[in-house]
Structures are given as C-alpha cells and as structure tokens.
Amino acid sequence: MTAEAGADGAVELAARRLERAVALLEQRVAQKITRASADNGAAFDEDRAQLAAELDRARGRERELEEAGAAASEALAAAIAQIKAALATPEDS
C-alpha cells in the first residue's frame, strides 16, 4: 500500500500544482484584460474628443457659409432691384 499511497500523494501534489498554475494564469489573463480595457477606454476617449473638436469646427464652418450665403442673397436681391429699376425708367434721349 505504500506504493499506492505514494502514487496518490504524487497525484495530489500534481493536482495542487496544476490548480496553482491555473489560478496564476487566470490572474494574469484578468490583469491583461484590465489593462487592455483601460487602454481601449483611453483611446476611445481620445478619438471621441478629436471627433467632437472636428464637429465643432465643421459647425463653425457651416455657420460661416450660412452667413456668406445670406450676404450673397441680399447682394443679389439688391442687384436685381437695381436692374429692374434701371429697366423701368425711360431713357433720356
């Protein structure tokens, strides 16, 4: 029975070593996942901030274009009014 007891003891020792190795592996995987999540979160925040800044610039440009369009429309309306007025007045001959 001593051979059997020795074999059982060796199996138990191997099982405990395997359990410790698996626990250590799980711990390291969890740490890597935590680090990866933190890195991705920072990258996401950076991308989000960059996109927000680009959106603000685009909105500013949109306002500038709307103002330029309104000014052009007013100038065109004034020019049309002047042309109509010039065509409506009889020429001095």
C-alpha atoms as a PDB file:
ATOM      1  CA  MET A   1       0.000   0.000   0.000  1.00  0.00           C
ATOM      2  CA  THR A   2       2.896   2.361   0.308  1.00  0.00           C
ATOM      3  CA  ALA A   3       3.273   2.463  -3.459  1.00  0.00           C
ATOM      4  CA  GLU A   4      -0.398   3.299  -3.793  1.00  0.00           C
ATOM      5  CA  ALA A   5      -0.164   5.961  -1.101  1.00  0.00           C
ATOM      6  CA  GLY A   6       2.905   7.390  -2.798  1.00  0.00           C
ATOM      7  CA  ALA A   7       1.101   7.491  -6.146  1.00  0.00           C
ATOM      8  CA  ASP A   8      -1.935   9.135  -4.584  1.00  0.00           C
ATOM      9  CA  GLY A   9       0.332  11.676  -2.906  1.00  0.00           C
ATOM     10  CA  ALA A  10       2.100  12.417  -6.193  1.00  0.00           C
ATOM     11  CA  VAL A  11      -1.239  12.847  -7.968  1.00  0.00           C
ATOM     12  CA  GLU A  12      -2.493  15.165  -5.236  1.00  0.00           C
ATOM     13  CA  LEU A  13       0.733  17.165  -5.386  1.00  0.00           C
ATOM     14  CA  ALA A  14       0.464  17.411  -9.183  1.00  0.00           C
ATOM     15  CA  ALA A  15      -3.209  18.427  -8.895  1.00  0.00           C
ATOM     16  CA  ARG A  16      -2.359  21.200  -6.414  1.00  0.00           C
ATOM     17  CA  ARG A  17       0.465  22.428  -8.644  1.00  0.00           C
ATOM     18  CA  LEU A  18      -1.906  22.418 -11.606  1.00  0.00           C
ATOM     19  CA  GLU A  19      -4.543  24.331  -9.618  1.00  0.00           C
ATOM     20  CA  ARG A  20      -1.961  26.968  -8.609  1.00  0.00           C
ATOM     21  CA  ALA A  21      -0.767  27.270 -12.186  1.00  0.00           C
ATOM     22  CA  VAL A  22      -4.334  27.681 -13.461  1.00  0.00           C
ATOM     23  CA  ALA A  23      -5.082  30.275 -10.760  1.00  0.00           C
ATOM     24  CA  LEU A  24      -1.939  32.212 -11.687  1.00  0.00           C
ATOM     25  CA  LEU A  25      -2.845  32.037 -15.370  1.00  0.00           C
ATOM     26  CA  GLU A  26      -6.373  33.296 -14.658  1.00  0.00           C
ATOM     27  CA  GLN A  27      -4.935  36.147 -12.599  1.00  0.00           C
ATOM     28  CA  ARG A  28      -2.550  37.173 -15.372  1.00  0.00           C
ATOM     29  CA  VAL A  29      -5.281  36.974 -18.005  1.00  0.00           C
ATOM     30  CA  ALA A  30      -7.542  39.145 -15.830  1.00  0.00           C
ATOM     31  CA  GLN A  31      -4.734  41.697 -15.454  1.00  0.00           C
ATOM     32  CA  LYS A  32      -4.154  41.778 -19.203  1.00  0.00           C
ATOM     33  CA  ILE A  33      -7.868  42.215 -19.852  1.00  0.00           C
ATOM     34  CA  THR A  34      -7.995  45.068 -17.334  1.00  0.00           C
ATOM     35  CA  ARG A  35      -5.007  46.780 -18.968  1.00  0.00           C
ATOM     36  CA  ALA A  36      -6.428  46.286 -22.455  1.00  0.00           C
ATOM     37  CA  SER A  37      -9.780  47.704 -21.369  1.00  0.00           C
ATOM     38  CA  ALA A  38      -8.099  50.733 -19.826  1.00  0.00           C
ATOM     39  CA  ASP A  39      -6.028  51.317 -22.960  1.00  0.00           C
ATOM     40  CA  ASN A  40      -9.076  50.983 -25.186  1.00  0.00           C
ATOM     41  CA  GLY A  41     -11.021  53.346 -22.955  1.00  0.00           C
ATOM     42  CA  ALA A  42      -8.292  55.966 -23.214  1.00  0.00           C
ATOM     43  CA  ALA A  43      -8.091  55.542 -26.989  1.00  0.00           C
ATOM     44  CA  PHE A  44     -11.874  55.790 -27.230  1.00  0.00           C
ATOM     45  CA  ASP A  45     -11.894  58.967 -25.139  1.00  0.00           C
ATOM     46  CA  GLU A  46      -9.143  60.450 -27.297  1.00  0.00           C
ATOM     47  CA  ASP A  47     -10.986  59.563 -30.512  1.00  0.00           C
ATOM     48  CA  ARG A  48     -14.214  60.947 -29.071  1.00  0.00           C
ATOM     49  CA  ALA A  49     -12.526  64.224 -28.120  1.00  0.00           C
ATOM     50  CA  GLN A  50     -10.969  64.514 -31.569  1.00  0.00           C
ATOM     51  CA  LEU A  51     -14.304  63.853 -33.271  1.00  0.00           C
ATOM     52  CA  ALA A  52     -16.015  66.413 -31.035  1.00  0.00           C
ATOM     53  CA  ALA A  53     -13.395  69.027 -31.962  1.00  0.00           C
ATOM     54  CA  GLU A  54     -13.830  68.250 -35.667  1.00  0.00           C
ATOM     55  CA  LEU A  55     -17.601  68.521 -35.288  1.00  0.00           C
ATOM     56  CA  ASP A  56     -17.251  71.918 -33.606  1.00  0.00           C
ATOM     57  CA  ARG A  57     -15.013  73.124 -36.459  1.00  0.00           C
ATOM     58  CA  ALA A  58     -17.490  71.819 -39.041  1.00  0.00           C
ATOM     59  CA  ARG A  59     -20.382  73.554 -37.292  1.00  0.00           C
ATOM     60  CA  GLY A  60     -18.416  76.801 -37.198  1.00  0.00           C
ATOM     61  CA  ARG A  61     -17.686  76.492 -40.906  1.00  0.00           C
ATOM     62  CA  GLU A  62     -21.362  75.766 -41.541  1.00  0.00           C
ATOM     63  CA  ARG A  63     -22.345  78.987 -39.739  1.00  0.00           C
ATOM     64  CA  GLU A  64     -19.785  80.943 -41.778  1.00  0.00           C
ATOM     65  CA  LEU A  65     -21.152  79.502 -45.016  1.00  0.00           C
ATOM     66  CA  GLU A  66     -24.736  80.260 -43.999  1.00  0.00           C
ATOM     67  CA  GLU A  67     -23.776  83.863 -43.216  1.00  0.00           C
ATOM     68  CA  ALA A  68     -21.918  84.175 -46.535  1.00  0.00           C
ATOM     69  CA  GLY A  69     -24.919  82.703 -48.358  1.00  0.00           C
ATOM     70  CA  ALA A  70     -27.285  85.144 -46.666  1.00  0.00           C
ATOM     71  CA  ALA A  71     -25.000  88.076 -47.555  1.00  0.00           C
ATOM     72  CA  ALA A  72     -24.757  86.891 -51.170  1.00  0.00           C
ATOM     73  CA  SER A  73     -28.525  86.525 -51.344  1.00  0.00           C
ATOM     74  CA  GLU A  74     -29.015  90.078 -50.050  1.00  0.00           C
ATOM     75  CA  ALA A  75     -26.466  91.436 -52.541  1.00  0.00           C
ATOM     76  CA  LEU A  76     -28.156  89.562 -55.377  1.00  0.00           C
ATOM     77  CA  ALA A  77     -31.572  90.852 -54.353  1.00  0.00           C
ATOM     78  CA  ALA A  78     -30.210  94.413 -54.289  1.00  0.00           C
ATOM     79  CA  ALA A  79     -28.635  93.962 -57.727  1.00  0.00           C
ATOM     80  CA  ILE A  80     -31.896  92.586 -59.138  1.00  0.00           C
ATOM     81  CA  ALA A  81     -33.795  95.549 -57.680  1.00  0.00           C
ATOM     82  CA  GLN A  82     -31.331  97.991 -59.272  1.00  0.00           C
ATOM     83  CA  ILE A  83     -31.587  96.255 -62.646  1.00  0.00           C
ATOM     84  CA  LYS A  84     -35.388  96.322 -62.503  1.00  0.00           C
ATOM     85  CA  ALA A  85     -35.327  99.988 -61.555  1.00  0.00           C
ATOM     86  CA  ALA A  86     -32.936 100.770 -64.427  1.00  0.00           C
ATOM     87  CA  LEU A  87     -35.118  98.899 -66.910  1.00  0.00           C
ATOM     88  CA  ALA A  88     -38.283 100.591 -65.657  1.00  0.00           C
ATOM     89  CA  THR A  89     -37.075 104.164 -66.092  1.00  0.00           C
ATOM     90  CA  PRO A  90     -37.350 105.644 -69.550  1.00  0.00           C
ATOM     91  CA  GLU A  91     -34.082 106.641 -71.144  1.00  0.00           C
ATOM     92  CA  ASP A  92     -33.295 110.321 -71.559  1.00  0.00           C
ATOM     93  CA  SER A  93     -32.739 110.835 -75.259  1.00  0.00           C
END
